Amino acid sequence: MRAVITDGEGNVWSEQRERPEPGPAEALVRVHAVGICGSDLGLIRGEGPPWTDYPVVPGHEVAGEVVETGHSVSAVSVGDRVALHGFVFCGVCDACREGRYYQCDQMEEVGFSRDGGYQEYTTVPAYTLKPLPDTVSYTEATQVDPAACTLHGLERIETAVTDTAFVAGPGSLGLYGVELLQALGVDDIVLSGVHDDRLAVGAELGASETINVRRENPVERVAEYTDGRGADLCLEATGAGDVVDTCLSAAAKQGHVVLTGVFGERASIAPDDIVHKELTVVGGVTAAHAVDDVLTLLERGALSTDSVITHEFPLSKYELALETVRNKDDGVIKAILRP
């Protein structure tokens, strides 16, 4: 089978491998589709999370079919269509016992410390797989992880139907944020970014107002839009530039700021905004316990991936796919590989 590997030094290559065999508690999955995440590009540059183990097959946004299981597996069966939630945890540390398995002291993760979905078949612990509703396609299932990452962050705060939300960044996380906020009852949404085509998609998905930050000051526009009050909640979904400070400045008094982007470096902020306005600032870095909710929303048609997934590539074209995503070519928002 074909597998794509990186060494974390900017090198990516493909090679032929034997199909892996599942261990006693594992399942062998035939990968039907895998999303290309921005963190995959960071992984290739050597910027993976602390538990990364190179060389590794990237790919954690995996959807596929179970084709074989280990003898102790009961959670999934051969023939099940599944999505991956790829955190591998010990189950006995303090974080795991408190239900925060995604903060396990001995964390491993499929696509970072274990081979992921940039290959035709992959073996994973059976408990990392979520069976798909019949109406959810493999393509949609690749987006369970990014959408659930956004939802997890939003579920860490209280929202109200009277809220005005400010979403910074019209990438996949931000665009899913626009949809998920509406699912939570928040339909007054201001979306900012630098690409007009992505902002147009956000408007189609339900954003009430869009701001191109290359032409307009987002803090001033949010203040104008809210009659000087500011946004009740701000969702940061870029992991770049001074967007955290923008969110702090745009937030209303006693507002909430949710950070979902991974910056990889220090960001400068004005902490007085947090103090003077008594802001609540939370982070959300994982799909965590929101996976089931996202699958339910996809099943109900309350969450759509159609406008977000713009490109598909066969696995054999992985170099073109990665280059397209890296350079944001051809209007790409989200791309998937099909092994």
C-alpha atoms as a PDB file:
ATOM      1  CA  MET A   1       0.000   0.000   0.000  1.00  0.00           C
ATOM      2  CA  ARG A   2       1.038   3.631  -0.481  1.00  0.00           C
ATOM      3  CA  ALA A   3       1.965   5.675   2.599  1.00  0.00           C
ATOM      4  CA  VAL A   4       3.106   9.310   2.841  1.00  0.00           C
ATOM      5  CA  ILE A   5       5.723  10.073   5.522  1.00  0.00           C
ATOM      6  CA  THR A   6       7.415  13.148   6.950  1.00  0.00           C
ATOM      7  CA  ASP A   7      10.581  13.477   9.016  1.00  0.00           C
ATOM      8  CA  GLY A   8       9.754  16.913  10.442  1.00  0.00           C
ATOM      9  CA  GLU A   9      12.564  18.555   8.494  1.00  0.00           C
ATOM     10  CA  GLY A  10      10.406  19.713   5.612  1.00  0.00           C
ATOM     11  CA  ASN A  11      10.701  16.432   3.762  1.00  0.00           C
ATOM     12  CA  VAL A  12       7.678  14.441   2.610  1.00  0.00           C
ATOM     13  CA  TRP A  13       7.824  11.275   0.578  1.00  0.00           C
ATOM     14  CA  SER A  14       5.755   8.227  -0.328  1.00  0.00           C
ATOM     15  CA  GLU A  15       6.717   4.610  -0.120  1.00  0.00           C
ATOM     16  CA  GLN A  16       5.146   1.195  -0.477  1.00  0.00           C
ATOM     17  CA  ARG A  17       4.468  -0.646   2.781  1.00  0.00           C
ATOM     18  CA  GLU A  18       2.857  -3.882   3.831  1.00  0.00           C
ATOM     19  CA  ARG A  19      -0.693  -3.535   5.071  1.00  0.00           C
ATOM     20  CA  PRO A  20      -0.509  -3.289   8.892  1.00  0.00           C
ATOM     21  CA  GLU A  21      -2.044  -5.884  11.195  1.00  0.00           C
ATOM     22  CA  PRO A  22      -4.258  -4.736  14.090  1.00  0.00           C
ATOM     23  CA  GLY A  23      -3.237  -5.511  17.647  1.00  0.00           C
ATOM     24  CA  PRO A  24      -5.636  -7.155  20.125  1.00  0.00           C
ATOM     25  CA  ALA A  25      -7.397  -3.857  20.969  1.00  0.00           C
ATOM     26  CA  GLU A  26      -7.008  -2.218  17.561  1.00  0.00           C
ATOM     27  CA  ALA A  27      -8.978  -1.919  14.349  1.00  0.00           C
ATOM     28  CA  LEU A  28      -7.642  -1.865  10.821  1.00  0.00           C
ATOM     29  CA  VAL A  29      -9.298   0.941   8.861  1.00  0.00           C
ATOM     30  CA  ARG A  30      -9.427   1.324   5.100  1.00  0.00           C
ATOM     31  CA  VAL A  31      -8.996   5.080   4.736  1.00  0.00           C
ATOM     32  CA  HIS A  32     -11.569   6.550   2.354  1.00  0.00           C
ATOM     33  CA  ALA A  33     -10.781  10.232   2.979  1.00  0.00           C
ATOM     34  CA  VAL A  34      -8.480  12.309   5.172  1.00  0.00           C
ATOM     35  CA  GLY A  35      -8.478  16.061   5.662  1.00  0.00           C
ATOM     36  CA  ILE A  36      -5.361  18.181   5.319  1.00  0.00           C
ATOM     37  CA  CYS A  37      -5.134  20.224   8.509  1.00  0.00           C
ATOM     38  CA  GLY A  38      -2.960  23.292   8.981  1.00  0.00           C
ATOM     39  CA  SER A  39      -1.268  21.410  11.796  1.00  0.00           C
ATOM     40  CA  ASP A  40      -0.142  18.828   9.212  1.00  0.00           C
ATOM     41  CA  LEU A  41       1.874  21.581   7.528  1.00  0.00           C
ATOM     42  CA  GLY A  42       3.362  22.484  10.905  1.00  0.00           C
ATOM     43  CA  LEU A  43       4.146  18.821  11.514  1.00  0.00           C
ATOM     44  CA  ILE A  44       6.114  18.692   8.264  1.00  0.00           C
ATOM     45  CA  ARG A  45       8.109  21.754   9.360  1.00  0.00           C
ATOM     46  CA  GLY A  46       8.969  20.105  12.678  1.00  0.00           C
ATOM     47  CA  GLU A  47       6.342  22.026  14.642  1.00  0.00           C
ATOM     48  CA  GLY A  48       4.261  19.109  15.858  1.00  0.00           C
ATOM     49  CA  PRO A  49       2.955  18.880  19.450  1.00  0.00           C
ATOM     50  CA  PRO A  50       5.316  17.720  22.213  1.00  0.00           C
ATOM     51  CA  TRP A  51       4.284  14.087  21.793  1.00  0.00           C
ATOM     52  CA  THR A  52       5.208  13.962  18.084  1.00  0.00           C
ATOM     53  CA  ASP A  53       7.415  11.031  17.090  1.00  0.00           C
ATOM     54  CA  TYR A  54       9.170  11.303  13.715  1.00  0.00           C
ATOM     55  CA  PRO A  55       9.181   9.872  11.118  1.00  0.00           C
ATOM     56  CA  VAL A  56       5.413   9.601  10.999  1.00  0.00           C
ATOM     57  CA  VAL A  57       2.514   9.304   8.583  1.00  0.00           C
ATOM     58  CA  PRO A  58       0.429  12.494   9.003  1.00  0.00           C
ATOM     59  CA  GLY A  59      -3.344  12.655   8.961  1.00  0.00           C
ATOM     60  CA  HIS A  60      -5.725  12.866  11.918  1.00  0.00           C
ATOM     61  CA  GLU A  61      -8.927  13.928  10.115  1.00  0.00           C
ATOM     62  CA  VAL A  62      -9.661  10.368   9.037  1.00  0.00           C
ATOM     63  CA  ALA A  63     -12.804   8.671   7.748  1.00  0.00           C
ATOM     64  CA  GLY A  64     -12.940   5.085   6.604  1.00  0.00           C
ATOM     65  CA  GLU A  65     -14.245   1.570   6.963  1.00  0.00           C
ATOM     66  CA  VAL A  66     -13.272  -1.039   9.539  1.00  0.00           C
ATOM     67  CA  VAL A  67     -11.939  -4.085   7.664  1.00  0.00           C
ATOM     68  CA  GLU A  68     -10.419  -6.087  10.523  1.00  0.00           C
ATOM     69  CA  THR A  69     -10.409  -6.003  14.325  1.00  0.00           C
ATOM     70  CA  GLY A  70      -8.283  -7.423  17.102  1.00  0.00           C
ATOM     71  CA  HIS A  71      -9.673 -10.270  19.186  1.00  0.00           C
ATOM     72  CA  SER A  72     -10.605  -8.069  22.169  1.00  0.00           C
ATOM     73  CA  VAL A  73     -12.439  -5.373  20.197  1.00  0.00           C
ATOM     74  CA  SER A  74     -16.174  -4.981  20.761  1.00  0.00           C
ATOM     75  CA  ALA A  75     -16.747  -1.235  20.228  1.00  0.00           C
ATOM     76  CA  VAL A  76     -16.665  -1.484  16.423  1.00  0.00           C
ATOM     77  CA  SER A  77     -17.230  -4.247  13.899  1.00  0.00           C
ATOM     78  CA  VAL A  78     -15.983  -5.111  10.436  1.00  0.00           C
ATOM     79  CA  GLY A  79     -17.929  -3.070   7.913  1.00  0.00           C
ATOM     80  CA  ASP A  80     -18.538  -0.115  10.221  1.00  0.00           C
ATOM     81  CA  ARG A  81     -18.096   3.309   8.650  1.00  0.00           C
ATOM     82  CA  VAL A  82     -16.136   5.402  11.123  1.00  0.00           C
ATOM     83  CA  ALA A  83     -14.530   8.746  11.895  1.00  0.00           C
ATOM     84  CA  LEU A  84     -11.362   9.056  13.942  1.00  0.00           C
ATOM     85  CA  HIS A  85     -10.949  10.959  17.194  1.00  0.00           C
ATOM     86  CA  GLY A  86      -7.302  10.101  17.501  1.00  0.00           C
ATOM     87  CA  PHE A  87      -6.211  10.750  21.090  1.00  0.00           C
ATOM     88  CA  VAL A  88      -4.554   7.734  22.695  1.00  0.00           C
ATOM     89  CA  PHE A  89      -4.490   8.023  26.477  1.00  0.00           C
ATOM     90  CA  CYS A  90      -3.493   6.085  29.584  1.00  0.00           C
ATOM     91  CA  GLY A  91      -6.784   6.260  31.480  1.00  0.00           C
ATOM     92  CA  VAL A  92      -5.136   6.412  34.915  1.00  0.00           C
ATOM     93  CA  CYS A  93      -3.480   9.842  35.258  1.00  0.00           C
ATOM     94  CA  ASP A  94      -5.309  12.683  37.032  1.00  0.00           C
ATOM     95  CA  ALA A  95      -6.437  14.295  33.768  1.00  0.00           C
ATOM     96  CA  CYS A  96      -7.822  11.023  32.401  1.00  0.00           C
ATOM     97  CA  ARG A  97      -9.648  10.211  35.650  1.00  0.00           C
ATOM     98  CA  GLU A  98     -11.268  13.643  35.489  1.00  0.00           C
ATOM     99  CA  GLY A  99     -12.440  13.034  31.918  1.00  0.00           C
ATOM    100  CA  ARG A 100      -9.792  15.242  30.310  1.00  0.00           C
ATOM    101  CA  TYR A 101      -8.217  12.419  28.330  1.00  0.00           C
ATOM    102  CA  TYR A 102      -7.029  14.952  25.748  1.00  0.00           C
ATOM    103  CA  GLN A 103      -4.641  16.309  28.429  1.00  0.00           C
ATOM    104  CA  CYS A 104      -3.266  12.883  29.366  1.00  0.00           C
ATOM    105  CA  ASP A 105       0.204  12.871  30.923  1.00  0.00           C
ATOM    106  CA  GLN A 106       1.219  10.144  28.470  1.00  0.00           C
ATOM    107  CA  MET A 107      -0.567  11.511  25.431  1.00  0.00           C
ATOM    108  CA  GLU A 108      -0.203   9.957  22.032  1.00  0.00           C
ATOM    109  CA  GLU A 109      -2.091  11.047  18.935  1.00  0.00           C
ATOM    110  CA  VAL A 110      -2.792   9.406  15.611  1.00  0.00           C
ATOM    111  CA  GLY A 111      -1.092  11.376  12.867  1.00  0.00           C
ATOM    112  CA  PHE A 112       1.545  12.780  15.216  1.00  0.00           C
ATOM    113  CA  SER A 113       3.037  10.077  17.427  1.00  0.00           C
ATOM    114  CA  ARG A 114       1.293   7.190  15.639  1.00  0.00           C
ATOM    115  CA  ASP A 115       0.918   6.768  11.908  1.00  0.00           C
ATOM    116  CA  GLY A 116      -2.191   8.492  10.618  1.00  0.00           C
ATOM    117  CA  GLY A 117      -4.390   8.597   7.555  1.00  0.00           C
ATOM    118  CA  TYR A 118      -2.077   9.644   4.711  1.00  0.00           C
ATOM    119  CA  GLN A 119      -2.040   5.980   3.706  1.00  0.00           C
ATOM    120  CA  GLU A 120      -4.439   3.390   2.370  1.00  0.00           C
ATOM    121  CA  TYR A 121      -4.857   1.485   5.639  1.00  0.00           C
ATOM    122  CA  THR A 122      -4.127   2.438   9.221  1.00  0.00           C
ATOM    123  CA  THR A 123      -4.380   0.671  12.564  1.00  0.00           C
ATOM    124  CA  VAL A 124      -5.723   2.571  15.574  1.00  0.00           C
ATOM    125  CA  PRO A 125      -7.056   1.731  19.043  1.00  0.00           C
ATOM    126  CA  ALA A 126     -10.688   0.798  18.557  1.00  0.00           C
ATOM    127  CA  TYR A 127     -11.867   3.328  21.143  1.00  0.00           C
ATOM    128  CA  THR A 128     -10.636   6.189  18.937  1.00  0.00           C
ATOM    129  CA  LEU A 129     -13.264   5.370  16.295  1.00  0.00           C
ATOM    130  CA  LYS A 130     -16.781   6.782  16.122  1.00  0.00           C
ATOM    131  CA  PRO A 131     -19.353   4.911  13.985  1.00  0.00           C
ATOM    132  CA  LEU A 132     -21.023   7.185  11.431  1.00  0.00           C
ATOM    133  CA  PRO A 133     -24.746   7.723  10.985  1.00  0.00           C
ATOM    134  CA  ASP A 134     -25.942   6.321   7.665  1.00  0.00           C
ATOM    135  CA  THR A 135     -26.562   9.796   6.236  1.00  0.00           C
ATOM    136  CA  VAL A 136     -23.060  11.161   7.010  1.00  0.00           C
ATOM    137  CA  SER A 137     -20.613  10.657   4.145  1.00  0.00           C
ATOM    138  CA  TYR A 138     -16.903   9.928   4.405  1.00  0.00           C
ATOM    139  CA  THR A 139     -16.221  13.415   3.062  1.00  0.00           C
ATOM    140  CA  GLU A 140     -18.311  15.013   5.808  1.00  0.00           C
ATOM    141  CA  ALA A 141     -16.761  12.735   8.414  1.00  0.00           C
ATOM    142  CA  THR A 142     -13.269  14.130   7.757  1.00  0.00           C
ATOM    143  CA  GLN A 143     -14.556  17.389   9.218  1.00  0.00           C
ATOM    144  CA  VAL A 144     -15.725  15.965  12.523  1.00  0.00           C
ATOM    145  CA  ASP A 145     -12.386  16.811  14.135  1.00  0.00           C
ATOM    146  CA  PRO A 146     -12.035  20.470  13.046  1.00  0.00           C
ATOM    147  CA  ALA A 147     -15.703  21.243  13.647  1.00  0.00           C
ATOM    148  CA  ALA A 148     -15.624  19.586  17.049  1.00  0.00           C
ATOM    149  CA  CYS A 149     -12.474  21.535  17.975  1.00  0.00           C
ATOM    150  CA  THR A 150     -14.440  24.746  17.439  1.00  0.00           C
ATOM    151  CA  LEU A 151     -17.522  23.432  19.224  1.00  0.00           C
ATOM    152  CA  HIS A 152     -15.485  22.290  22.222  1.00  0.00           C
ATOM    153  CA  GLY A 153     -14.170  25.821  22.654  1.00  0.00           C
ATOM    154  CA  LEU A 154     -17.662  27.309  22.347  1.00  0.00           C
ATOM    155  CA  GLU A 155     -19.061  24.805  24.823  1.00  0.00           C
ATOM    156  CA  ARG A 156     -16.610  26.085  27.428  1.00  0.00           C
ATOM    157  CA  ILE A 157     -18.545  29.349  27.683  1.00  0.00           C
ATOM    158  CA  GLU A 158     -22.167  30.363  28.116  1.00  0.00           C
ATOM    159  CA  THR A 159     -23.977  31.677  25.065  1.00  0.00           C
ATOM    160  CA  ALA A 160     -27.332  33.416  24.706  1.00  0.00           C
ATOM    161  CA  VAL A 161     -29.634  33.934  21.750  1.00  0.00           C
ATOM    162  CA  THR A 162     -29.243  37.688  22.234  1.00  0.00           C
ATOM    163  CA  ASP A 163     -25.445  37.549  21.839  1.00  0.00           C
ATOM    164  CA  THR A 164     -23.493  39.234  19.088  1.00  0.00           C
ATOM    165  CA  ALA A 165     -20.487  37.114  18.114  1.00  0.00           C
ATOM    166  CA  PHE A 166     -17.272  38.172  16.429  1.00  0.00           C
ATOM    167  CA  VAL A 167     -15.417  35.413  14.552  1.00  0.00           C
ATOM    168  CA  ALA A 168     -11.835  36.212  13.581  1.00  0.00           C
ATOM    169  CA  GLY A 169     -10.694  34.082  10.663  1.00  0.00           C
ATOM    170  CA  PRO A 170     -12.720  32.534   7.792  1.00  0.00           C
ATOM    171  CA  GLY A 171     -10.747  29.307   7.522  1.00  0.00           C
ATOM    172  CA  SER A 172     -12.398  25.989   8.252  1.00  0.00           C
ATOM    173  CA  LEU A 173     -12.438  26.557  12.036  1.00  0.00           C
ATOM    174  CA  GLY A 174     -13.979  30.006  11.685  1.00  0.00           C
ATOM    175  CA  LEU A 175     -16.511  29.006   9.027  1.00  0.00           C
ATOM    176  CA  TYR A 176     -17.618  26.054  11.120  1.00  0.00           C
ATOM    177  CA  GLY A 177     -17.774  28.535  13.990  1.00  0.00           C
ATOM    178  CA  VAL A 178     -20.321  30.588  12.035  1.00  0.00           C
ATOM    179  CA  GLU A 179     -22.469  27.491  11.562  1.00  0.00           C
ATOM    180  CA  LEU A 180     -22.031  26.179  15.091  1.00  0.00           C
ATOM    181  CA  LEU A 181     -22.883  29.503  16.693  1.00  0.00           C
ATOM    182  CA  GLN A 182     -26.192  29.412  14.853  1.00  0.00           C
ATOM    183  CA  ALA A 183     -26.753  25.852  16.069  1.00  0.00           C
ATOM    184  CA  LEU A 184     -26.238  27.220  19.600  1.00  0.00           C
ATOM    185  CA  GLY A 185     -28.824  29.927  18.954  1.00  0.00           C
ATOM    186  CA  VAL A 186     -26.448  32.810  18.201  1.00  0.00           C
ATOM    187  CA  ASP A 187     -27.326  34.240  14.785  1.00  0.00           C
ATOM    188  CA  ASP A 188     -25.894  37.767  14.991  1.00  0.00           C
ATOM    189  CA  ILE A 189     -22.358  37.091  13.770  1.00  0.00           C
ATOM    190  CA  VAL A 190     -19.583  39.349  12.481  1.00  0.00           C
ATOM    191  CA  LEU A 191     -16.828  37.573  10.533  1.00  0.00           C
ATOM    192  CA  SER A 192     -13.418  39.057   9.738  1.00  0.00           C
ATOM    193  CA  GLY A 193     -10.554  37.966   7.518  1.00  0.00           C
ATOM    194  CA  VAL A 194      -8.283  38.926   4.634  1.00  0.00           C
ATOM    195  CA  HIS A 195      -9.770  36.906   1.742  1.00  0.00           C
ATOM    196  CA  ASP A 196     -12.951  38.233   0.163  1.00  0.00           C
ATOM    197  CA  ASP A 197     -13.876  34.843  -1.295  1.00  0.00           C
ATOM    198  CA  ARG A 198     -13.761  33.207   2.125  1.00  0.00           C
ATOM    199  CA  LEU A 199     -15.724  36.053   3.671  1.00  0.00           C
ATOM    200  CA  ALA A 200     -18.354  35.557   0.965  1.00  0.00           C
ATOM    201  CA  VAL A 201     -18.625  31.899   1.978  1.00  0.00           C
ATOM    202  CA  GLY A 202     -19.071  33.006   5.580  1.00  0.00           C
ATOM    203  CA  ALA A 203     -21.908  35.306   4.534  1.00  0.00           C
ATOM    204  CA  GLU A 204     -23.560  32.438   2.676  1.00  0.00           C
ATOM    205  CA  LEU A 205     -23.282  30.313   5.806  1.00  0.00           C
ATOM    206  CA  GLY A 206     -25.013  32.942   7.908  1.00  0.00           C
ATOM    207  CA  ALA A 207     -22.600  35.692   8.967  1.00  0.00           C
ATOM    208  CA  SER A 208     -24.572  38.918   9.378  1.00  0.00           C
ATOM    209  CA  GLU A 209     -21.610  41.169   8.608  1.00  0.00           C
ATOM    210  CA  THR A 210     -18.143  40.632   7.122  1.00  0.00           C
ATOM    211  CA  ILE A 211     -14.977  42.695   7.498  1.00  0.00           C
ATOM    212  CA  ASN A 212     -11.869  42.570   5.326  1.00  0.00           C
ATOM    213  CA  VAL A 213      -9.178  43.617   7.806  1.00  0.00           C
ATOM    214  CA  ARG A 214      -6.892  44.764   4.990  1.00  0.00           C
ATOM    215  CA  ARG A 215      -9.351  47.550   4.249  1.00  0.00           C
ATOM    216  CA  GLU A 216     -11.117  48.187   7.543  1.00  0.00           C
ATOM    217  CA  ASN A 217     -10.284  48.225  11.250  1.00  0.00           C
ATOM    218  CA  PRO A 218     -12.148  45.244  12.751  1.00  0.00           C
ATOM    219  CA  VAL A 219     -12.330  46.705  16.267  1.00  0.00           C
ATOM    220  CA  GLU A 220     -13.853  49.927  14.990  1.00  0.00           C
ATOM    221  CA  ARG A 221     -16.280  48.058  12.738  1.00  0.00           C
ATOM    222  CA  VAL A 222     -17.424  45.762  15.556  1.00  0.00           C
ATOM    223  CA  ALA A 223     -17.920  48.784  17.820  1.00  0.00           C
ATOM    224  CA  GLU A 224     -19.929  50.507  15.107  1.00  0.00           C
ATOM    225  CA  TYR A 225     -22.000  47.398  14.437  1.00  0.00           C
ATOM    226  CA  THR A 226     -22.842  46.975  18.137  1.00  0.00           C
ATOM    227  CA  ASP A 227     -23.477  50.679  18.864  1.00  0.00           C
ATOM    228  CA  GLY A 228     -20.266  50.845  20.863  1.00  0.00           C
ATOM    229  CA  ARG A 229     -21.006  47.862  23.107  1.00  0.00           C
ATOM    230  CA  GLY A 230     -18.640  45.341  21.554  1.00  0.00           C
ATOM    231  CA  ALA A 231     -19.135  41.640  20.861  1.00  0.00           C
ATOM    232  CA  ASP A 232     -20.531  39.429  23.616  1.00  0.00           C
ATOM    233  CA  LEU A 233     -18.283  36.605  22.480  1.00  0.00           C
ATOM    234  CA  CYS A 234     -15.214  36.557  20.257  1.00  0.00           C
ATOM    235  CA  LEU A 235     -13.997  33.393  18.560  1.00  0.00           C
ATOM    236  CA  GLU A 236     -10.340  33.475  17.502  1.00  0.00           C
ATOM    237  CA  ALA A 237      -9.815  30.956  14.705  1.00  0.00           C
ATOM    238  CA  THR A 238      -6.575  31.892  12.963  1.00  0.00           C
ATOM    239  CA  GLY A 239      -3.552  31.293  15.199  1.00  0.00           C
ATOM    240  CA  ALA A 240      -1.776  34.157  13.470  1.00  0.00           C
ATOM    241  CA  GLY A 241      -0.848  37.799  13.815  1.00  0.00           C
ATOM    242  CA  ASP A 242      -2.368  40.101  16.413  1.00  0.00           C
ATOM    243  CA  VAL A 243      -5.806  38.509  16.303  1.00  0.00           C
ATOM    244  CA  VAL A 244      -5.882  37.744  20.042  1.00  0.00           C
ATOM    245  CA  ASP A 245      -5.410  41.416  20.847  1.00  0.00           C
ATOM    246  CA  THR A 246      -8.074  42.256  18.266  1.00  0.00           C
ATOM    247  CA  CYS A 247     -10.528  39.943  20.010  1.00  0.00           C
ATOM    248  CA  LEU A 248      -9.757  41.414  23.430  1.00  0.00           C
ATOM    249  CA  SER A 249     -10.310  44.910  22.065  1.00  0.00           C
ATOM    250  CA  ALA A 250     -13.511  43.973  20.233  1.00  0.00           C
ATOM    251  CA  ALA A 251     -15.108  42.189  23.189  1.00  0.00           C
ATOM    252  CA  ALA A 252     -17.869  43.761  25.242  1.00  0.00           C
ATOM    253  CA  LYS A 253     -17.612  44.299  28.969  1.00  0.00           C
ATOM    254  CA  GLN A 254     -17.729  40.917  30.721  1.00  0.00           C
ATOM    255  CA  GLY A 255     -17.594  39.285  27.311  1.00  0.00           C
ATOM    256  CA  HIS A 256     -16.087  35.918  26.429  1.00  0.00           C
ATOM    257  CA  VAL A 257     -13.059  35.275  24.219  1.00  0.00           C
ATOM    258  CA  VAL A 258     -12.501  31.751  22.875  1.00  0.00           C
ATOM    259  CA  LEU A 259      -9.075  30.907  21.434  1.00  0.00           C
ATOM    260  CA  THR A 260      -8.894  27.935  19.055  1.00  0.00           C
ATOM    261  CA  GLY A 261      -5.900  28.749  16.834  1.00  0.00           C
ATOM    262  CA  VAL A 262      -2.449  27.355  17.558  1.00  0.00           C
ATOM    263  CA  PHE A 263       0.134  30.131  17.200  1.00  0.00           C
ATOM    264  CA  GLY A 264       3.385  28.257  17.780  1.00  0.00           C
ATOM    265  CA  GLU A 265       4.929  31.430  19.189  1.00  0.00           C
ATOM    266  CA  ARG A 266       4.295  34.178  21.711  1.00  0.00           C
ATOM    267  CA  ALA A 267       1.574  36.693  20.894  1.00  0.00           C
ATOM    268  CA  SER A 268       1.467  40.246  22.182  1.00  0.00           C
ATOM    269  CA  ILE A 269      -1.719  41.302  23.962  1.00  0.00           C
ATOM    270  CA  ALA A 270      -3.028  44.253  25.988  1.00  0.00           C
ATOM    271  CA  PRO A 271      -3.934  42.587  29.305  1.00  0.00           C
ATOM    272  CA  ASP A 272      -5.683  45.710  30.569  1.00  0.00           C
ATOM    273  CA  ASP A 273      -8.621  44.825  28.329  1.00  0.00           C
ATOM    274  CA  ILE A 274      -9.028  41.573  30.245  1.00  0.00           C
ATOM    275  CA  VAL A 275      -8.813  43.354  33.595  1.00  0.00           C
ATOM    276  CA  HIS A 276     -10.861  46.476  32.916  1.00  0.00           C
ATOM    277  CA  LYS A 277     -13.622  44.735  30.989  1.00  0.00           C
ATOM    278  CA  GLU A 278     -13.565  41.632  33.229  1.00  0.00           C
ATOM    279  CA  LEU A 279     -13.295  39.336  30.231  1.00  0.00           C
ATOM    280  CA  THR A 280     -13.399  35.568  30.367  1.00  0.00           C
ATOM    281  CA  VAL A 281     -10.735  34.060  28.105  1.00  0.00           C
ATOM    282  CA  VAL A 282     -10.719  30.314  27.407  1.00  0.00           C
ATOM    283  CA  GLY A 283      -8.825  27.997  25.094  1.00  0.00           C
ATOM    284  CA  GLY A 284     -10.076  25.018  23.167  1.00  0.00           C
ATOM    285  CA  VAL A 285      -7.479  22.909  21.407  1.00  0.00           C
ATOM    286  CA  THR A 286      -9.206  19.614  20.789  1.00  0.00           C
ATOM    287  CA  ALA A 287     -12.408  18.011  19.593  1.00  0.00           C
ATOM    288  CA  ALA A 288     -12.721  16.503  23.080  1.00  0.00           C
ATOM    289  CA  HIS A 289     -16.282  15.603  24.050  1.00  0.00           C
ATOM    290  CA  ALA A 290     -17.905  17.481  21.145  1.00  0.00           C
ATOM    291  CA  VAL A 291     -17.505  14.725  18.542  1.00  0.00           C
ATOM    292  CA  ASP A 292     -20.904  13.154  19.150  1.00  0.00           C
ATOM    293  CA  ASP A 293     -22.586  16.561  19.002  1.00  0.00           C
ATOM    294  CA  VAL A 294     -20.971  17.320  15.637  1.00  0.00           C
ATOM    295  CA  LEU A 295     -22.056  13.963  14.225  1.00  0.00           C
ATOM    296  CA  THR A 296     -25.607  14.713  15.371  1.00  0.00           C
ATOM    297  CA  LEU A 297     -25.523  18.145  13.720  1.00  0.00           C
ATOM    298  CA  LEU A 298     -24.221  16.628  10.474  1.00  0.00           C
ATOM    299  CA  GLU A 299     -26.951  13.981  10.600  1.00  0.00           C
ATOM    300  CA  ARG A 300     -29.636  16.635  11.119  1.00  0.00           C
ATOM    301  CA  GLY A 301     -28.284  18.849   8.342  1.00  0.00           C
ATOM    302  CA  ALA A 302     -27.579  21.633  10.848  1.00  0.00           C
ATOM    303  CA  LEU A 303     -23.892  21.619   9.882  1.00  0.00           C
ATOM    304  CA  SER A 304     -22.702  21.583   6.274  1.00  0.00           C
ATOM    305  CA  THR A 305     -19.203  20.949   4.919  1.00  0.00           C
ATOM    306  CA  ASP A 306     -20.101  21.646   1.285  1.00  0.00           C
ATOM    307  CA  SER A 307     -18.816  25.235   1.166  1.00  0.00           C
ATOM    308  CA  VAL A 308     -15.747  24.525   3.295  1.00  0.00           C
ATOM    309  CA  ILE A 309     -14.306  21.492   1.510  1.00  0.00           C
ATOM    310  CA  THR A 310     -13.238  23.035  -1.787  1.00  0.00           C
ATOM    311  CA  HIS A 311     -10.643  20.576  -3.112  1.00  0.00           C
ATOM    312  CA  GLU A 312     -10.057  16.820  -3.320  1.00  0.00           C
ATOM    313  CA  PHE A 313      -6.872  15.042  -4.419  1.00  0.00           C
ATOM    314  CA  PRO A 314      -5.902  11.395  -4.805  1.00  0.00           C
ATOM    315  CA  LEU A 315      -3.187  10.368  -2.362  1.00  0.00           C
ATOM    316  CA  SER A 316      -0.785  10.037  -5.289  1.00  0.00           C
ATOM    317  CA  LYS A 317      -1.070  13.834  -5.742  1.00  0.00           C
ATOM    318  CA  TYR A 318      -0.136  14.591  -2.124  1.00  0.00           C
ATOM    319  CA  GLU A 319       2.629  17.009  -3.141  1.00  0.00           C
ATOM    320  CA  LEU A 320       0.241  19.137  -5.187  1.00  0.00           C
ATOM    321  CA  ALA A 321      -2.354  18.947  -2.427  1.00  0.00           C
ATOM    322  CA  LEU A 322       0.057  20.133   0.267  1.00  0.00           C
ATOM    323  CA  GLU A 323       1.391  22.905  -1.956  1.00  0.00           C
ATOM    324  CA  THR A 324      -2.140  24.078  -2.748  1.00  0.00           C
ATOM    325  CA  VAL A 325      -3.069  24.266   0.933  1.00  0.00           C
ATOM    326  CA  ARG A 326       0.250  25.818   1.957  1.00  0.00           C
ATOM    327  CA  ASN A 327       0.009  28.583  -0.651  1.00  0.00           C
ATOM    328  CA  LYS A 328      -3.789  28.957  -0.427  1.00  0.00           C
ATOM    329  CA  ASP A 329      -3.926  28.465  -4.188  1.00  0.00           C
ATOM    330  CA  ASP A 330      -7.035  28.226  -6.329  1.00  0.00           C
ATOM    331  CA  GLY A 331      -9.398  29.482  -3.625  1.00  0.00           C
ATOM    332  CA  VAL A 332      -8.761  26.495  -1.382  1.00  0.00           C
ATOM    333  CA  ILE A 333     -10.326  26.514   2.073  1.00  0.00           C
ATOM    334  CA  LYS A 334     -10.200  22.839   3.009  1.00  0.00           C
ATOM    335  CA  ALA A 335      -8.695  20.009   0.985  1.00  0.00           C
ATOM    336  CA  ILE A 336      -8.975  16.268   1.461  1.00  0.00           C
ATOM    337  CA  LEU A 337      -6.930  13.351   0.217  1.00  0.00           C
ATOM    338  CA  ARG A 338      -8.469  10.133  -1.053  1.00  0.00           C
ATOM    339  CA  PRO A 339      -6.088   7.162  -0.609  1.00  0.00           C
END
